[in-house]
Every structure is written in structure tokens, then in C-alpha cells.
C-alpha atoms as a PDB file:
ATOM      1  CA  ILE A   1      96.795 165.327 -82.622  1.00  0.00           C
ATOM      2  CA  SER A   2      95.126 162.240 -82.119  1.00  0.00           C
ATOM      3  CA  ASP A   3      95.449 158.866 -80.517  1.00  0.00           C
ATOM      4  CA  ASN A   4      94.050 157.323 -83.446  1.00  0.00           C
ATOM      5  CA  CYS A   5      94.906 158.489 -86.969  1.00  0.00           C
ATOM      6  CA  ILE A   6      96.886 157.262 -89.740  1.00  0.00           C
ATOM      7  CA  PHE A   7     100.352 159.384 -89.858  1.00  0.00           C
ATOM      8  CA  ILE A   8     101.777 159.792 -93.223  1.00  0.00           C
ATOM      9  CA  ASP A   9     105.641 160.871 -94.093  1.00  0.00           C
ATOM     10  CA  THR A  10     107.013 161.571 -97.485  1.00  0.00           C
ATOM     11  CA  GLY A  11     110.279 162.288 -97.381  1.00  0.00           C
ATOM     12  CA  SER A  12     112.887 162.710-100.431  1.00  0.00           C
ATOM     13  CA  THR A  13     112.724 159.126-101.188  1.00  0.00           C
ATOM     14  CA  THR A  14     109.866 157.031 -99.343  1.00  0.00           C
ATOM     15  CA  THR A  15     106.610 157.238 -98.104  1.00  0.00           C
ATOM     16  CA  ASP A  16     105.601 155.887 -95.034  1.00  0.00           C
ATOM     17  CA  ILE A  17     101.963 155.347 -93.980  1.00  0.00           C
ATOM     18  CA  ILE A  18     101.759 154.377 -90.343  1.00  0.00           C
ATOM     19  CA  PRO A  19      98.684 153.614 -88.493  1.00  0.00           C
ATOM     20  CA  ILE A  20      98.144 154.463 -85.034  1.00  0.00           C
ATOM     21  CA  ARG A  21      95.503 153.096 -82.501  1.00  0.00           C
ATOM     22  CA  ASP A  22      95.091 153.984 -78.924  1.00  0.00           C
ATOM     23  CA  ALA A  23      98.086 156.199 -79.454  1.00  0.00           C
ATOM     24  CA  LYS A  24     100.116 153.192 -80.432  1.00  0.00           C
ATOM     25  CA  GLU A  25     101.699 152.154 -83.973  1.00  0.00           C
ATOM     26  CA  CYS A  26      99.827 149.022 -85.211  1.00  0.00           C
ATOM     27  CA  ALA A  27     101.607 148.663 -88.472  1.00  0.00           C
ATOM     28  CA  ILE A  28     101.096 145.233 -90.111  1.00  0.00           C
ATOM     29  CA  GLY A  29     104.066 144.830 -91.960  1.00  0.00           C
ATOM     30  CA  LYS A  30     107.333 144.686 -89.847  1.00  0.00           C
ATOM     31  CA  SER A  31     110.098 144.770 -92.801  1.00  0.00           C
ATOM     32  CA  ASP A  32     110.172 146.784 -95.553  1.00  0.00           C
ATOM     33  CA  PHE A  33     109.033 143.674 -97.629  1.00  0.00           C
ATOM     34  CA  ASP A  34     106.312 143.402 -95.443  1.00  0.00           C
ATOM     35  CA  ARG A  35     104.856 147.137 -95.624  1.00  0.00           C
ATOM     36  CA  SER A  36     105.276 147.097 -99.509  1.00  0.00           C
ATOM     37  CA  ALA A  37     102.463 144.637 -99.612  1.00  0.00           C
ATOM     38  CA  THR A  38     100.328 146.020 -96.990  1.00  0.00           C
ATOM     39  CA  GLY A  39     100.361 149.820 -98.378  1.00  0.00           C
ATOM     40  CA  GLU A  40     102.400 150.929 -95.529  1.00  0.00           C
ATOM     41  CA  LEU A  41     105.374 151.674 -97.390  1.00  0.00           C
ATOM     42  CA  VAL A  42     105.373 153.442-101.091  1.00  0.00           C
ATOM     43  CA  TYR A  43     108.876 153.523-102.310  1.00  0.00           C
ATOM     44  CA  THR A  44     108.203 157.133-103.703  1.00  0.00           C
ATOM     45  CA  GLY A  45     109.500 160.784-102.568  1.00  0.00           C
ATOM     46  CA  THR A  46     109.550 164.331-103.006  1.00  0.00           C
ATOM     47  CA  LEU A  47     112.869 164.716-104.298  1.00  0.00           C
ATOM     48  CA  ARG A  48     114.913 161.382-105.466  1.00  0.00           C
ATOM     49  CA  THR A  49     112.315 159.670-107.325  1.00  0.00           C
ATOM     50  CA  ASN A  50     113.017 158.618-110.962  1.00  0.00           C
ATOM     51  CA  LEU A  51     109.939 159.752-112.771  1.00  0.00           C
ATOM     52  CA  ALA A  52     110.055 156.682-115.030  1.00  0.00           C
ATOM     53  CA  SER A  53     109.333 154.743-112.055  1.00  0.00           C
ATOM     54  CA  PHE A  54     105.614 155.470-111.711  1.00  0.00           C
ATOM     55  CA  LEU A  55     104.789 157.000-115.278  1.00  0.00           C
ATOM     56  CA  ASP A  56     104.140 155.035-118.363  1.00  0.00           C
ATOM     57  CA  ASN A  57     103.201 158.129-120.223  1.00  0.00           C
ATOM     58  CA  VAL A  58     102.541 161.807-120.030  1.00  0.00           C
ATOM     59  CA  GLU A  59      99.877 163.820-120.975  1.00  0.00           C
ATOM     60  CA  LEU A  60     100.636 167.229-123.194  1.00  0.00           C
ATOM     61  CA  ASN A  61      98.563 169.273-125.275  1.00  0.00           C
ATOM     62  CA  GLY A  62      95.740 166.494-125.742  1.00  0.00           C
ATOM     63  CA  LYS A  63      98.414 163.834-126.701  1.00  0.00           C
ATOM     64  CA  GLU A  64      99.642 161.217-124.634  1.00  0.00           C
ATOM     65  CA  TYR A  65     103.652 160.969-124.927  1.00  0.00           C
ATOM     66  CA  ARG A  66     105.381 157.284-123.667  1.00  0.00           C
ATOM     67  CA  VAL A  67     108.318 158.305-121.455  1.00  0.00           C
ATOM     68  CA  ALA A  68     112.088 157.188-121.680  1.00  0.00           C
ATOM     69  CA  SER A  69     112.776 154.668-119.214  1.00  0.00           C
ATOM     70  CA  GLU A  70     115.969 156.474-117.939  1.00  0.00           C
ATOM     71  CA  LEU A  71     117.509 158.201-115.363  1.00  0.00           C
ATOM     72  CA  PHE A  72     116.772 161.643-116.738  1.00  0.00           C
ATOM     73  CA  ALA A  73     114.713 163.793-114.222  1.00  0.00           C
ATOM     74  CA  GLN A  74     113.675 163.081-110.764  1.00  0.00           C
ATOM     75  CA  THR A  75     110.588 164.381-108.769  1.00  0.00           C
ATOM     76  CA  ALA A  76     112.735 167.386-107.278  1.00  0.00           C
ATOM     77  CA  ASP A  77     112.877 168.647-110.945  1.00  0.00           C
ATOM     78  CA  VAL A  78     109.000 168.560-110.785  1.00  0.00           C
ATOM     79  CA  TYR A  79     108.519 170.366-107.978  1.00  0.00           C
ATOM     80  CA  MET A  80     111.138 173.059-108.702  1.00  0.00           C
ATOM     81  CA  VAL A  81     109.296 173.611-111.982  1.00  0.00           C
ATOM     82  CA  LEU A  82     106.328 174.135-109.799  1.00  0.00           C
ATOM     83  CA  ASP A  83     107.457 176.243-107.359  1.00  0.00           C
ATOM     84  CA  LEU A  84     106.807 173.674-104.403  1.00  0.00           C
ATOM     85  CA  ILE A  85     110.127 173.320-103.322  1.00  0.00           C
ATOM     86  CA  THR A  86     113.236 175.743-103.336  1.00  0.00           C
ATOM     87  CA  GLU A  87     116.895 175.215-104.541  1.00  0.00           C
ATOM     88  CA  LYS A  88     117.440 174.911-100.607  1.00  0.00           C
ATOM     89  CA  ASP A  89     115.206 172.152-100.631  1.00  0.00           C
ATOM     90  CA  TYR A  90     116.801 170.491-103.628  1.00  0.00           C
ATOM     91  CA  ILE A  91     119.395 168.514-101.482  1.00  0.00           C
ATOM     92  CA  CYS A  92     120.187 165.531-103.864  1.00  0.00           C
ATOM     93  CA  ASP A  93     122.610 165.298-106.806  1.00  0.00           C
ATOM     94  CA  THR A  94     120.599 165.889-109.960  1.00  0.00           C
ATOM     95  CA  PHE A  95     120.560 162.934-112.463  1.00  0.00           C
ATOM     96  CA  ASP A  96     122.840 164.789-115.580  1.00  0.00           C
ATOM     97  CA  GLY A  97     125.397 166.731-112.831  1.00  0.00           C
ATOM     98  CA  GLU A  98     123.979 169.903-113.880  1.00  0.00           C
ATOM     99  CA  GLY A  99     122.388 172.840-112.263  1.00  0.00           C
ATOM    100  CA  LYS A 100     119.177 172.941-109.949  1.00  0.00           C
ATOM    101  CA  SER A 101     117.753 176.104-111.370  1.00  0.00           C
ATOM    102  CA  LYS A 102     114.435 176.179-112.883  1.00  0.00           C
ATOM    103  CA  MET A 103     115.749 175.866-116.295  1.00  0.00           C
ATOM    104  CA  ASP A 104     117.765 173.163-115.513  1.00  0.00           C
ATOM    105  CA  CYS A 105     115.178 171.050-113.975  1.00  0.00           C
ATOM    106  CA  ALA A 106     112.818 172.026-116.979  1.00  0.00           C
ATOM    107  CA  ARG A 107     115.672 170.896-119.651  1.00  0.00           C
ATOM    108  CA  ARG A 108     115.705 167.256-117.450  1.00  0.00           C
ATOM    109  CA  ILE A 109     111.682 166.946-117.496  1.00  0.00           C
ATOM    110  CA  ALA A 110     111.767 167.607-121.419  1.00  0.00           C
ATOM    111  CA  ARG A 111     114.296 164.674-121.808  1.00  0.00           C
ATOM    112  CA  VAL A 112     111.655 162.262-119.981  1.00  0.00           C
ATOM    113  CA  VAL A 113     109.670 162.265-123.599  1.00  0.00           C
ATOM    114  CA  CYS A 114     113.084 162.552-125.328  1.00  0.00           C
ATOM    115  CA  ALA A 115     112.514 166.396-126.252  1.00  0.00           C
ATOM    116  CA  ASP A 116     114.201 169.608-125.355  1.00  0.00           C
ATOM    117  CA  LEU A 117     113.535 173.268-124.859  1.00  0.00           C
ATOM    118  CA  GLU A 118     113.785 173.959-128.511  1.00  0.00           C
ATOM    119  CA  MET A 119     110.779 171.417-128.909  1.00  0.00           C
ATOM    120  CA  LEU A 120     108.683 172.411-125.797  1.00  0.00           C
ATOM    121  CA  SER A 121     108.268 175.583-124.239  1.00  0.00           C
ATOM    122  CA  MET A 122     108.150 176.243-120.406  1.00  0.00           C
ATOM    123  CA  GLU A 123     104.444 176.092-120.525  1.00  0.00           C
ATOM    124  CA  ASP A 124     104.414 172.748-121.972  1.00  0.00           C
ATOM    125  CA  ILE A 125     107.026 171.657-119.177  1.00  0.00           C
ATOM    126  CA  VAL A 126     104.790 173.324-116.298  1.00  0.00           C
ATOM    127  CA  GLU A 127     101.502 171.316-118.003  1.00  0.00           C
ATOM    128  CA  MET A 128     103.768 168.060-117.722  1.00  0.00           C
ATOM    129  CA  ALA A 129     104.539 168.630-114.166  1.00  0.00           C
ATOM    130  CA  ASP A 130     101.305 169.200-113.249  1.00  0.00           C
ATOM    131  CA  PHE A 131     100.377 165.906-115.086  1.00  0.00           C
ATOM    132  CA  ILE A 132     103.403 164.215-113.165  1.00  0.00           C
ATOM    133  CA  HIS A 133     102.359 165.467-109.959  1.00  0.00           C
ATOM    134  CA  GLN A 134      98.852 164.452-110.204  1.00  0.00           C
ATOM    135  CA  LYS A 135     100.533 160.848-110.925  1.00  0.00           C
ATOM    136  CA  GLN A 136     102.442 160.691-107.806  1.00  0.00           C
ATOM    137  CA  VAL A 137      99.569 161.860-105.941  1.00  0.00           C
ATOM    138  CA  GLU A 138      97.722 158.838-106.952  1.00  0.00           C
ATOM    139  CA  GLN A 139     100.439 156.474-106.183  1.00  0.00           C
ATOM    140  CA  ILE A 140     100.560 157.604-102.607  1.00  0.00           C
ATOM    141  CA  ALA A 141      96.724 157.517-102.448  1.00  0.00           C
ATOM    142  CA  ASP A 142      96.799 154.139-103.466  1.00  0.00           C
ATOM    143  CA  GLY A 143      98.949 152.983-100.399  1.00  0.00           C
ATOM    144  CA  LEU A 144      96.895 155.436 -98.296  1.00  0.00           C
ATOM    145  CA  LYS A 145      93.664 153.698 -99.089  1.00  0.00           C
ATOM    146  CA  GLN A 146      94.887 150.233 -98.253  1.00  0.00           C
ATOM    147  CA  VAL A 147      95.863 151.056 -95.185  1.00  0.00           C
ATOM    148  CA  HIS A 148      92.550 153.052 -94.442  1.00  0.00           C
ATOM    149  CA  GLU A 149      90.155 150.326 -95.341  1.00  0.00           C
ATOM    150  CA  THR A 150      92.536 147.724 -93.374  1.00  0.00           C
ATOM    151  CA  GLN A 151      92.692 149.611 -90.263  1.00  0.00           C
ATOM    152  CA  ASN A 152      89.206 151.904 -90.466  1.00  0.00           C
ATOM    153  CA  LEU A 153      90.909 155.079 -89.526  1.00  0.00           C
ATOM    154  CA  ASP A 154      89.525 158.237 -91.228  1.00  0.00           C
ATOM    155  CA  LEU A 155      92.074 160.850 -89.729  1.00  0.00           C
ATOM    156  CA  ILE A 156      95.207 161.260 -91.731  1.00  0.00           C
ATOM    157  CA  VAL A 157      97.957 163.394 -90.178  1.00  0.00           C
ATOM    158  CA  THR A 158     100.785 164.689 -92.488  1.00  0.00           C
ATOM    159  CA  THR A 159     104.605 165.569 -92.134  1.00  0.00           C
ATOM    160  CA  GLY A 160     107.874 165.603 -93.651  1.00  0.00           C
ATOM    161  CA  LEU A 161     108.857 167.451 -96.732  1.00  0.00           C
ATOM    162  CA  GLY A 162     106.148 166.154 -98.860  1.00  0.00           C
ATOM    163  CA  LYS A 163     103.244 166.926 -96.523  1.00  0.00           C
ATOM    164  CA  ASP A 164     101.707 169.479 -98.376  1.00  0.00           C
ATOM    165  CA  ILE A 165     103.010 168.890-101.776  1.00  0.00           C
ATOM    166  CA  LEU A 166     101.979 165.167-101.888  1.00  0.00           C
ATOM    167  CA  ASP A 167      99.967 163.826 -98.574  1.00  0.00           C
ATOM    168  CA  ARG A 168      97.701 166.365 -98.146  1.00  0.00           C
ATOM    169  CA  PRO A 169      96.152 166.200-101.895  1.00  0.00           C
ATOM    170  CA  ALA A 170      96.444 162.200-101.376  1.00  0.00           C
ATOM    171  CA  ALA A 171      94.226 162.351 -98.312  1.00  0.00           C
ATOM    172  CA  GLU A 172      91.946 164.788-100.034  1.00  0.00           C
ATOM    173  CA  LEU A 173      91.527 162.795-103.146  1.00  0.00           C
ATOM    174  CA  LEU A 174      90.328 159.818-100.970  1.00  0.00           C
ATOM    175  CA  GLY A 175      87.733 162.280 -98.788  1.00  0.00           C
ATOM    176  CA  LEU A 176      89.462 161.663 -95.823  1.00  0.00           C
ATOM    177  CA  GLU A 177      90.206 164.272 -92.701  1.00  0.00           C
ATOM    178  CA  VAL A 178      93.850 165.933 -93.118  1.00  0.00           C
ATOM    179  CA  LYS A 179      95.704 167.461 -90.198  1.00  0.00           C
ATOM    180  CA  SER A 180      99.160 168.554 -90.738  1.00  0.00           C
ATOM    181  CA  MET A 181     102.162 168.232 -88.162  1.00  0.00           C
ATOM    182  CA  GLY A 182     103.107 171.897 -89.664  1.00  0.00           C
ATOM    183  CA  ASP A 183     100.147 173.065 -87.435  1.00  0.00           C
ATOM    184  CA  ILE A 184     102.198 172.544 -84.344  1.00  0.00           C
ATOM    185  CA  LEU A 185     105.897 172.172 -85.603  1.00  0.00           C
ATOM    186  CA  SER A 186     107.951 174.099 -88.253  1.00  0.00           C
ATOM    187  CA  ASP A 187     108.141 173.184 -92.004  1.00  0.00           C
ATOM    188  CA  ASP A 188     112.017 172.289 -91.238  1.00  0.00           C
ATOM    189  CA  GLU A 189     110.695 170.451 -87.665  1.00  0.00           C
ATOM    190  CA  CYS A 190     108.528 168.208 -89.873  1.00  0.00           C
ATOM    191  CA  THR A 191     111.068 167.837 -92.077  1.00  0.00           C
ATOM    192  CA  VAL A 192     112.985 166.111 -89.264  1.00  0.00           C
ATOM    193  CA  ALA A 193     110.105 164.485 -87.463  1.00  0.00           C
ATOM    194  CA  PRO A 194     111.311 160.977 -88.095  1.00  0.00           C
ATOM    195  CA  ALA A 195     114.606 161.305 -87.048  1.00  0.00           C
ATOM    196  CA  ILE A 196     112.940 163.107 -83.598  1.00  0.00           C
ATOM    197  CA  GLY A 197     110.539 160.183 -83.379  1.00  0.00           C
ATOM    198  CA  THR A 198     113.601 157.629 -83.514  1.00  0.00           C
ATOM    199  CA  ALA A 199     115.469 159.470 -80.974  1.00  0.00           C
ATOM    200  CA  VAL A 200     112.409 159.324 -78.579  1.00  0.00           C
ATOM    201  CA  MET A 201     111.948 155.775 -78.950  1.00  0.00           C
ATOM    202  CA  MET A 202     115.672 155.103 -78.353  1.00  0.00           C
ATOM    203  CA  GLU A 203     115.422 157.256 -75.179  1.00  0.00           C
ATOM    204  CA  LYS A 204     112.553 154.605 -74.120  1.00  0.00           C
ATOM    205  CA  TYR A 205     114.322 151.704 -75.057  1.00  0.00           C
ATOM    206  CA  LEU A 206     117.324 152.769 -73.164  1.00  0.00           C
ATOM    207  CA  ASN A 207     115.704 153.642 -69.873  1.00  0.00           C
END
């Protein structure tokens, strides 16, 4: 797609933000510890991330509700409610051991503000989910902005399960040009792109 870009991959659990210059990876961080300081690793993902890890409060009906810092709901619940993933995509366990239907997900999201589905309507849950989605986009955009400013690279290439759900809106929030690996690969191939990349690197290493 380009020899000079920032490659961003959001999977189920983490977001890797990898600068590419002259077709070679040029990340500053060489460990997860280092990358957590350079913006190259944002420990947030499309499925497994505890909502309380990036939320202090949730806005609903013009009020701010403080969130419960418990393992009540994860990002997969949010994206099920918003129809951005399917039950087939929801490959991790649920926090409460219950089902993965949209209603089950809504029930878990309600618990984040110490409520239930008798207190909140489905419309309320969708409003909460939209707010939570935007907060996770902003979390990823914060890391992307740091890498963009350090490397002076303007083209963002997205892949992974979160390529359209989180990475594209994060890049667009920063006003950066975005291309998707989905333009040349299927969604399933994009989801396993890191594994394919690792295999290619290993082949080169062995040869």
C-alpha cells in the first residue's frame, strides 16, 4: 500500500501502532514496556477490554454516571449492541458466564453504571454504547497522535478486527489519510494479518 506509513492493528486485546519508513519497521520501542511509553502499544482491543479500564464516567440523558470498577462488561458487549461485530466474532468468554446475545450484552453494559434493564431501555444502552465507543476511539487516537508526531508519517494503514470499528475513526479524528488492508485482503485475512506477518519474518530468518 505504501513504503511510508503507520500500520495500526487492533485485535481482540491490544492495538499495535507500527511506523514504517522505506518499507521497513522503524518503531522506537523494542519491548511492550517501551512501546507503552512511545504510543506504539495501546493496551485496548475490540473484544476483551474491561470497560472500566478506560472509562471514568458514562454520559446518558444529559447526566454523567460514574462507572463501577469491576469486571462487568467488555468491549465485545459494546460492539454487539452496536451491530459492529457478530456473535461469531465474539470469541472470548463473557465476564458473567452468560450468553452473547444482544440482550445479554446490554444487561452487562447496564451493570457498569450499577443498573439493570428494568432501569434502562435498549435506547439508553445504545446511547451508552455510542459514548463508550467514542472514548475507546479517543484512547487509540492518543497513541496514534504520539507516533504520528514522532515519526512525521501521515498515511495510516489499518488491519485487524478493529480496523473499521476503531482504527479508521481514530485516524479520521486526527485528520489523517487512511487506507485499509481490507482493500486487498478479506476481513478474515486482516484479522490474522499479524500471524501471517510473523510467519513471513520467521521464513526470512530461517533462510
